[in-house]
Amino acid sequence: SKSLFYAYIFTGEKKYLNTAKDVLDTVLE
């Protein structure tokens, strides 16, 4: 999920941001 956040930092593509949040939220849950 951290890597996906990085991918969003460098591309601006929301698909990476949304997947990163989904995965991290699942881990927390």
PDB file of all heavy atoms in Angstrom:
ATOM      1  N   SER A   1       0.842  -1.200   0.000  1.00  0.00           N
ATOM      2  CA  SER A   1       0.000   0.000   0.000  1.00  0.00           C
ATOM      3  C   SER A   1       0.879   1.253   0.000  1.00  0.00           C
ATOM      4  O   SER A   1       0.564   2.245  -0.673  1.00  0.00           O
ATOM      5  CB  SER A   1      -0.958   0.011   1.200  1.00  0.00           C
ATOM      6  OG  SER A   1      -0.308   0.347   2.405  1.00  0.00           O
ATOM      7  N   LYS A   2       1.991   1.214   0.737  1.00  0.00           N
ATOM      8  CA  LYS A   2       2.916   2.345   0.716  1.00  0.00           C
ATOM      9  C   LYS A   2       3.459   2.561  -0.697  1.00  0.00           C
ATOM     10  O   LYS A   2       3.563   3.703  -1.176  1.00  0.00           O
ATOM     11  CB  LYS A   2       4.067   2.095   1.693  1.00  0.00           C
ATOM     12  CG  LYS A   2       5.095   3.216   1.710  1.00  0.00           C
ATOM     13  CD  LYS A   2       6.254   2.911   2.649  1.00  0.00           C
ATOM     14  CE  LYS A   2       7.316   4.008   2.575  1.00  0.00           C
ATOM     15  NZ  LYS A   2       8.481   3.715   3.453  1.00  0.00           N
ATOM     16  N   SER A   3       3.799   1.483  -1.386  1.00  0.00           N
ATOM     17  CA  SER A   3       4.299   1.586  -2.756  1.00  0.00           C
ATOM     18  C   SER A   3       3.249   2.188  -3.688  1.00  0.00           C
ATOM     19  O   SER A   3       3.570   2.972  -4.580  1.00  0.00           O
ATOM     20  CB  SER A   3       4.709   0.199  -3.270  1.00  0.00           C
ATOM     21  OG  SER A   3       5.701  -0.370  -2.460  1.00  0.00           O
ATOM     22  N   LEU A   4       1.992   1.809  -3.468  1.00  0.00           N
ATOM     23  CA  LEU A   4       0.906   2.360  -4.283  1.00  0.00           C
ATOM     24  C   LEU A   4       0.729   3.853  -4.028  1.00  0.00           C
ATOM     25  O   LEU A   4       0.455   4.625  -4.955  1.00  0.00           O
ATOM     26  CB  LEU A   4      -0.383   1.601  -3.987  1.00  0.00           C
ATOM     27  CG  LEU A   4      -0.429   0.163  -4.510  1.00  0.00           C
ATOM     28  CD1 LEU A   4      -1.491  -0.649  -3.778  1.00  0.00           C
ATOM     29  CD2 LEU A   4      -0.692   0.154  -6.011  1.00  0.00           C
ATOM     30  N   PHE A   5       0.880   4.275  -2.774  1.00  0.00           N
ATOM     31  CA  PHE A   5       0.849   5.709  -2.480  1.00  0.00           C
ATOM     32  C   PHE A   5       1.981   6.419  -3.227  1.00  0.00           C
ATOM     33  O   PHE A   5       1.795   7.513  -3.775  1.00  0.00           O
ATOM     34  CB  PHE A   5       0.974   5.962  -0.976  1.00  0.00           C
ATOM     35  CG  PHE A   5      -0.289   5.744  -0.192  1.00  0.00           C
ATOM     36  CD1 PHE A   5      -0.328   4.837   0.853  1.00  0.00           C
ATOM     37  CD2 PHE A   5      -1.441   6.456  -0.491  1.00  0.00           C
ATOM     38  CE1 PHE A   5      -1.494   4.633   1.593  1.00  0.00           C
ATOM     39  CE2 PHE A   5      -2.615   6.275   0.238  1.00  0.00           C
ATOM     40  CZ  PHE A   5      -2.640   5.350   1.281  1.00  0.00           C
ATOM     41  N   TYR A   6       3.152   5.816  -3.243  1.00  0.00           N
ATOM     42  CA  TYR A   6       4.280   6.386  -3.995  1.00  0.00           C
ATOM     43  C   TYR A   6       3.941   6.499  -5.485  1.00  0.00           C
ATOM     44  O   TYR A   6       4.275   7.495  -6.133  1.00  0.00           O
ATOM     45  CB  TYR A   6       5.521   5.504  -3.827  1.00  0.00           C
ATOM     46  CG  TYR A   6       6.483   5.933  -2.747  1.00  0.00           C
ATOM     47  CD1 TYR A   6       6.063   6.164  -1.445  1.00  0.00           C
ATOM     48  CD2 TYR A   6       7.834   6.088  -3.028  1.00  0.00           C
ATOM     49  CE1 TYR A   6       6.957   6.538  -0.453  1.00  0.00           C
ATOM     50  CE2 TYR A   6       8.751   6.456  -2.045  1.00  0.00           C
ATOM     51  CZ  TYR A   6       8.297   6.679  -0.759  1.00  0.00           C
ATOM     52  OH  TYR A   6       9.183   7.051   0.226  1.00  0.00           O
ATOM     53  N   ALA A   7       3.323   5.451  -6.018  1.00  0.00           N
ATOM     54  CA  ALA A   7       2.950   5.486  -7.431  1.00  0.00           C
ATOM     55  C   ALA A   7       2.025   6.672  -7.707  1.00  0.00           C
ATOM     56  O   ALA A   7       2.121   7.338  -8.747  1.00  0.00           O
ATOM     57  CB  ALA A   7       2.278   4.179  -7.835  1.00  0.00           C
ATOM     58  N   TYR A   8       1.131   6.952  -6.768  1.00  0.00           N
ATOM     59  CA  TYR A   8       0.242   8.114  -6.917  1.00  0.00           C
ATOM     60  C   TYR A   8       1.036   9.415  -6.826  1.00  0.00           C
ATOM     61  O   TYR A   8       0.783  10.364  -7.580  1.00  0.00           O
ATOM     62  CB  TYR A   8      -0.840   8.086  -5.846  1.00  0.00           C
ATOM     63  CG  TYR A   8      -1.704   9.322  -5.841  1.00  0.00           C
ATOM     64  CD1 TYR A   8      -2.479   9.655  -6.958  1.00  0.00           C
ATOM     65  CD2 TYR A   8      -1.735  10.179  -4.743  1.00  0.00           C
ATOM     66  CE1 TYR A   8      -3.265  10.808  -6.961  1.00  0.00           C
ATOM     67  CE2 TYR A   8      -2.511  11.321  -4.735  1.00  0.00           C
ATOM     68  CZ  TYR A   8      -3.269  11.629  -5.850  1.00  0.00           C
ATOM     69  OH  TYR A   8      -4.041  12.764  -5.860  1.00  0.00           O
ATOM     70  N   ILE A   9       2.011   9.481  -5.927  1.00  0.00           N
ATOM     71  CA  ILE A   9       2.839  10.680  -5.816  1.00  0.00           C
ATOM     72  C   ILE A   9       3.458  11.034  -7.154  1.00  0.00           C
ATOM     73  O   ILE A   9       3.448  12.191  -7.590  1.00  0.00           O
ATOM     74  CB  ILE A   9       3.960  10.474  -4.763  1.00  0.00           C
ATOM     75  CG1 ILE A   9       3.383  10.410  -3.351  1.00  0.00           C
ATOM     76  CG2 ILE A   9       5.007  11.595  -4.853  1.00  0.00           C
ATOM     77  CD1 ILE A   9       4.383   9.962  -2.296  1.00  0.00           C
ATOM     78  N   PHE A  10       3.974  10.014  -7.855  1.00  0.00           N
ATOM     79  CA  PHE A  10       4.747  10.285  -9.072  1.00  0.00           C
ATOM     80  C   PHE A  10       3.916  10.265 -10.354  1.00  0.00           C
ATOM     81  O   PHE A  10       4.398  10.717 -11.393  1.00  0.00           O
ATOM     82  CB  PHE A  10       5.902   9.284  -9.177  1.00  0.00           C
ATOM     83  CG  PHE A  10       7.020   9.579  -8.222  1.00  0.00           C
ATOM     84  CD1 PHE A  10       7.081   8.959  -6.981  1.00  0.00           C
ATOM     85  CD2 PHE A  10       7.995  10.503  -8.536  1.00  0.00           C
ATOM     86  CE1 PHE A  10       8.097   9.245  -6.083  1.00  0.00           C
ATOM     87  CE2 PHE A  10       9.024  10.792  -7.650  1.00  0.00           C
ATOM     88  CZ  PHE A  10       9.078  10.169  -6.419  1.00  0.00           C
ATOM     89  N   THR A  11       2.698   9.749 -10.302  1.00  0.00           N
ATOM     90  CA  THR A  11       1.873   9.716 -11.524  1.00  0.00           C
ATOM     91  C   THR A  11       0.616  10.569 -11.414  1.00  0.00           C
ATOM     92  O   THR A  11       0.088  11.008 -12.437  1.00  0.00           O
ATOM     93  CB  THR A  11       1.426   8.274 -11.844  1.00  0.00           C
ATOM     94  OG1 THR A  11       0.517   7.817 -10.824  1.00  0.00           O
ATOM     95  CG2 THR A  11       2.619   7.327 -11.933  1.00  0.00           C
ATOM     96  N   GLY A  12       0.111  10.759 -10.214  1.00  0.00           N
ATOM     97  CA  GLY A  12      -1.148  11.471 -10.035  1.00  0.00           C
ATOM     98  C   GLY A  12      -2.364  10.649 -10.402  1.00  0.00           C
ATOM     99  O   GLY A  12      -3.492  11.164 -10.409  1.00  0.00           O
ATOM    100  N   GLU A  13      -2.161   9.351 -10.700  1.00  0.00           N
ATOM    101  CA  GLU A  13      -3.281   8.498 -11.116  1.00  0.00           C
ATOM    102  C   GLU A  13      -4.033   7.985  -9.891  1.00  0.00           C
ATOM    103  O   GLU A  13      -3.457   7.321  -9.024  1.00  0.00           O
ATOM    104  CB  GLU A  13      -2.777   7.331 -11.969  1.00  0.00           C
ATOM    105  CG  GLU A  13      -2.209   7.778 -13.312  1.00  0.00           C
ATOM    106  CD  GLU A  13      -1.835   6.599 -14.196  1.00  0.00           C
ATOM    107  OE1 GLU A  13      -2.465   5.523 -14.058  1.00  0.00           O
ATOM    108  OE2 GLU A  13      -0.906   6.748 -15.014  1.00  0.00           O
ATOM    109  N   LYS A  14      -5.338   8.289  -9.860  1.00  0.00           N
ATOM    110  CA  LYS A  14      -6.160   7.968  -8.684  1.00  0.00           C
ATOM    111  C   LYS A  14      -6.308   6.462  -8.446  1.00  0.00           C
ATOM    112  O   LYS A  14      -6.583   6.047  -7.327  1.00  0.00           O
ATOM    113  CB  LYS A  14      -7.546   8.600  -8.846  1.00  0.00           C
ATOM    114  CG  LYS A  14      -7.554  10.118  -8.722  1.00  0.00           C
ATOM    115  CD  LYS A  14      -7.296  10.534  -7.290  1.00  0.00           C
ATOM    116  CE  LYS A  14      -7.342  12.049  -7.117  1.00  0.00           C
ATOM    117  NZ  LYS A  14      -8.677  12.625  -7.323  1.00  0.00           N
ATOM    118  N   LYS A  15      -6.119   5.651  -9.483  1.00  0.00           N
ATOM    119  CA  LYS A  15      -6.272   4.198  -9.291  1.00  0.00           C
ATOM    120  C   LYS A  15      -5.269   3.680  -8.259  1.00  0.00           C
ATOM    121  O   LYS A  15      -5.578   2.773  -7.484  1.00  0.00           O
ATOM    122  CB  LYS A  15      -6.117   3.448 -10.613  1.00  0.00           C
ATOM    123  CG  LYS A  15      -4.724   3.514 -11.227  1.00  0.00           C
ATOM    124  CD  LYS A  15      -4.638   2.709 -12.526  1.00  0.00           C
ATOM    125  CE  LYS A  15      -3.229   2.752 -13.105  1.00  0.00           C
ATOM    126  NZ  LYS A  15      -3.122   1.980 -14.356  1.00  0.00           N
ATOM    127  N   TYR A  16      -4.074   4.272  -8.250  1.00  0.00           N
ATOM    128  CA  TYR A  16      -3.071   3.851  -7.278  1.00  0.00           C
ATOM    129  C   TYR A  16      -3.457   4.318  -5.874  1.00  0.00           C
ATOM    130  O   TYR A  16      -3.333   3.568  -4.897  1.00  0.00           O
ATOM    131  CB  TYR A  16      -1.698   4.398  -7.655  1.00  0.00           C
ATOM    132  CG  TYR A  16      -1.173   3.891  -8.973  1.00  0.00           C
ATOM    133  CD1 TYR A  16      -0.833   4.771 -10.002  1.00  0.00           C
ATOM    134  CD2 TYR A  16      -1.021   2.526  -9.204  1.00  0.00           C
ATOM    135  CE1 TYR A  16      -0.341   4.306 -11.216  1.00  0.00           C
ATOM    136  CE2 TYR A  16      -0.530   2.053 -10.415  1.00  0.00           C
ATOM    137  CZ  TYR A  16      -0.206   2.951 -11.427  1.00  0.00           C
ATOM    138  OH  TYR A  16       0.271   2.490 -12.618  1.00  0.00           O
ATOM    139  N   LEU A  17      -3.919   5.549  -5.765  1.00  0.00           N
ATOM    140  CA  LEU A  17      -4.329   6.093  -4.474  1.00  0.00           C
ATOM    141  C   LEU A  17      -5.486   5.294  -3.892  1.00  0.00           C
ATOM    142  O   LEU A  17      -5.469   4.921  -2.713  1.00  0.00           O
ATOM    143  CB  LEU A  17      -4.744   7.560  -4.643  1.00  0.00           C
ATOM    144  CG  LEU A  17      -5.311   8.253  -3.393  1.00  0.00           C
ATOM    145  CD1 LEU A  17      -4.242   8.367  -2.313  1.00  0.00           C
ATOM    146  CD2 LEU A  17      -5.866   9.623  -3.759  1.00  0.00           C
ATOM    147  N   ASN A  18      -6.484   5.007  -4.710  1.00  0.00           N
ATOM    148  CA  ASN A  18      -7.670   4.295  -4.223  1.00  0.00           C
ATOM    149  C   ASN A  18      -7.337   2.873  -3.802  1.00  0.00           C
ATOM    150  O   ASN A  18      -7.837   2.386  -2.779  1.00  0.00           O
ATOM    151  CB  ASN A  18      -8.757   4.286  -5.304  1.00  0.00           C
ATOM    152  CG  ASN A  18      -9.302   5.679  -5.575  1.00  0.00           C
ATOM    153  OD1 ASN A  18      -9.261   6.554  -4.709  1.00  0.00           O
ATOM    154  ND2 ASN A  18      -9.802   5.911  -6.786  1.00  0.00           N
ATOM    155  N   THR A  19      -6.496   2.200  -4.578  1.00  0.00           N
ATOM    156  CA  THR A  19      -6.104   0.829  -4.214  1.00  0.00           C
ATOM    157  C   THR A  19      -5.277   0.835  -2.929  1.00  0.00           C
ATOM    158  O   THR A  19      -5.443  -0.030  -2.060  1.00  0.00           O
ATOM    159  CB  THR A  19      -5.307   0.166  -5.351  1.00  0.00           C
ATOM    160  OG1 THR A  19      -6.057   0.236  -6.566  1.00  0.00           O
ATOM    161  CG2 THR A  19      -5.027  -1.300  -5.045  1.00  0.00           C
ATOM    162  N   ALA A  20      -4.381   1.819  -2.798  1.00  0.00           N
ATOM    163  CA  ALA A  20      -3.561   1.927  -1.588  1.00  0.00           C
ATOM    164  C   ALA A  20      -4.441   2.074  -0.355  1.00  0.00           C
ATOM    165  O   ALA A  20      -4.234   1.393   0.664  1.00  0.00           O
ATOM    166  CB  ALA A  20      -2.614   3.121  -1.706  1.00  0.00           C
ATOM    167  N   LYS A  21      -5.438   2.951  -0.433  1.00  0.00           N
ATOM    168  CA  LYS A  21      -6.338   3.151   0.713  1.00  0.00           C
ATOM    169  C   LYS A  21      -7.152   1.897   1.000  1.00  0.00           C
ATOM    170  O   LYS A  21      -7.338   1.519   2.166  1.00  0.00           O
ATOM    171  CB  LYS A  21      -7.266   4.340   0.448  1.00  0.00           C
ATOM    172  CG  LYS A  21      -6.565   5.687   0.481  1.00  0.00           C
ATOM    173  CD  LYS A  21      -7.556   6.853   0.485  1.00  0.00           C
ATOM    174  CE  LYS A  21      -8.301   6.944  -0.831  1.00  0.00           C
ATOM    175  NZ  LYS A  21      -9.180   8.140  -0.876  1.00  0.00           N
ATOM    176  N   ASP A  22      -7.660   1.256  -0.051  1.00  0.00           N
ATOM    177  CA  ASP A  22      -8.453   0.036   0.139  1.00  0.00           C
ATOM    178  C   ASP A  22      -7.656  -1.034   0.871  1.00  0.00           C
ATOM    179  O   ASP A  22      -8.149  -1.678   1.811  1.00  0.00           O
ATOM    180  CB  ASP A  22      -8.914  -0.512  -1.220  1.00  0.00           C
ATOM    181  CG  ASP A  22     -10.053   0.291  -1.825  1.00  0.00           C
ATOM    182  OD1 ASP A  22     -10.670   1.096  -1.095  1.00  0.00           O
ATOM    183  OD2 ASP A  22     -10.329   0.128  -3.033  1.00  0.00           O
ATOM    184  N   VAL A  23      -6.426  -1.225   0.435  1.00  0.00           N
ATOM    185  CA  VAL A  23      -5.587  -2.279   1.020  1.00  0.00           C
ATOM    186  C   VAL A  23      -5.230  -1.953   2.466  1.00  0.00           C
ATOM    187  O   VAL A  23      -5.368  -2.803   3.367  1.00  0.00           O
ATOM    188  CB  VAL A  23      -4.317  -2.497   0.174  1.00  0.00           C
ATOM    189  CG1 VAL A  23      -3.353  -3.456   0.872  1.00  0.00           C
ATOM    190  CG2 VAL A  23      -4.687  -3.023  -1.209  1.00  0.00           C
ATOM    191  N   LEU A  24      -4.799  -0.726   2.719  1.00  0.00           N
ATOM    192  CA  LEU A  24      -4.404  -0.359   4.078  1.00  0.00           C
ATOM    193  C   LEU A  24      -5.606  -0.391   5.020  1.00  0.00           C
ATOM    194  O   LEU A  24      -5.499  -0.865   6.165  1.00  0.00           O
ATOM    195  CB  LEU A  24      -3.753   1.014   4.100  1.00  0.00           C
ATOM    196  CG  LEU A  24      -3.187   1.462   5.452  1.00  0.00           C
ATOM    197  CD1 LEU A  24      -2.185   0.448   6.005  1.00  0.00           C
ATOM    198  CD2 LEU A  24      -2.541   2.835   5.344  1.00  0.00           C
ATOM    199  N   ASP A  25      -6.752   0.053   4.548  1.00  0.00           N
ATOM    200  CA  ASP A  25      -7.957   0.013   5.385  1.00  0.00           C
ATOM    201  C   ASP A  25      -8.356  -1.427   5.701  1.00  0.00           C
ATOM    202  O   ASP A  25      -8.830  -1.722   6.804  1.00  0.00           O
ATOM    203  CB  ASP A  25      -9.115   0.740   4.694  1.00  0.00           C
ATOM    204  CG  ASP A  25      -8.946   2.254   4.714  1.00  0.00           C
ATOM    205  OD1 ASP A  25      -8.121   2.748   5.499  1.00  0.00           O
ATOM    206  OD2 ASP A  25      -9.637   2.943   3.928  1.00  0.00           O
ATOM    207  N   THR A  26      -8.154  -2.327   4.755  1.00  0.00           N
ATOM    208  CA  THR A  26      -8.444  -3.748   4.993  1.00  0.00           C
ATOM    209  C   THR A  26      -7.500  -4.310   6.050  1.00  0.00           C
ATOM    210  O   THR A  26      -7.912  -5.068   6.937  1.00  0.00           O
ATOM    211  CB  THR A  26      -8.320  -4.554   3.690  1.00  0.00           C
ATOM    212  OG1 THR A  26      -9.215  -4.019   2.717  1.00  0.00           O
ATOM    213  CG2 THR A  26      -8.669  -6.023   3.918  1.00  0.00           C
ATOM    214  N   VAL A  27      -6.226  -3.941   5.971  1.00  0.00           N
ATOM    215  CA  VAL A  27      -5.259  -4.383   6.980  1.00  0.00           C
ATOM    216  C   VAL A  27      -5.672  -3.879   8.365  1.00  0.00           C
ATOM    217  O   VAL A  27      -5.660  -4.638   9.344  1.00  0.00           O
ATOM    218  CB  VAL A  27      -3.839  -3.887   6.629  1.00  0.00           C
ATOM    219  CG1 VAL A  27      -2.868  -4.140   7.782  1.00  0.00           C
ATOM    220  CG2 VAL A  27      -3.331  -4.569   5.360  1.00  0.00           C
ATOM    221  N   LEU A  28      -6.054  -2.615   8.443  1.00  0.00           N
ATOM    222  CA  LEU A  28      -6.460  -2.049   9.737  1.00  0.00           C
ATOM    223  C   LEU A  28      -7.704  -2.739  10.284  1.00  0.00           C
ATOM    224  O   LEU A  28      -7.810  -3.013  11.474  1.00  0.00           O
ATOM    225  CB  LEU A  28      -6.714  -0.550   9.598  1.00  0.00           C
ATOM    226  CG  LEU A  28      -5.498   0.316   9.244  1.00  0.00           C
ATOM    227  CD1 LEU A  28      -5.909   1.774   9.107  1.00  0.00           C
ATOM    228  CD2 LEU A  28      -4.394   0.171  10.284  1.00  0.00           C
ATOM    229  N   GLU A  29      -8.640  -3.033   9.384  1.00  0.00           N
ATOM    230  CA  GLU A  29      -9.893  -3.662   9.805  1.00  0.00           C
ATOM    231  C   GLU A  29      -9.687  -5.095  10.271  1.00  0.00           C
ATOM    232  O   GLU A  29     -10.236  -5.523  11.282  1.00  0.00           O
ATOM    233  CB  GLU A  29     -10.894  -3.638   8.645  1.00  0.00           C
ATOM    234  CG  GLU A  29     -12.211  -4.328   8.951  1.00  0.00           C
ATOM    235  CD  GLU A  29     -13.069  -4.515   7.708  1.00  0.00           C
ATOM    236  OE1 GLU A  29     -12.806  -3.873   6.670  1.00  0.00           O
ATOM    237  OE2 GLU A  29     -14.014  -5.332   7.771  1.00  0.00           O
TER     238      GLU A  29
END
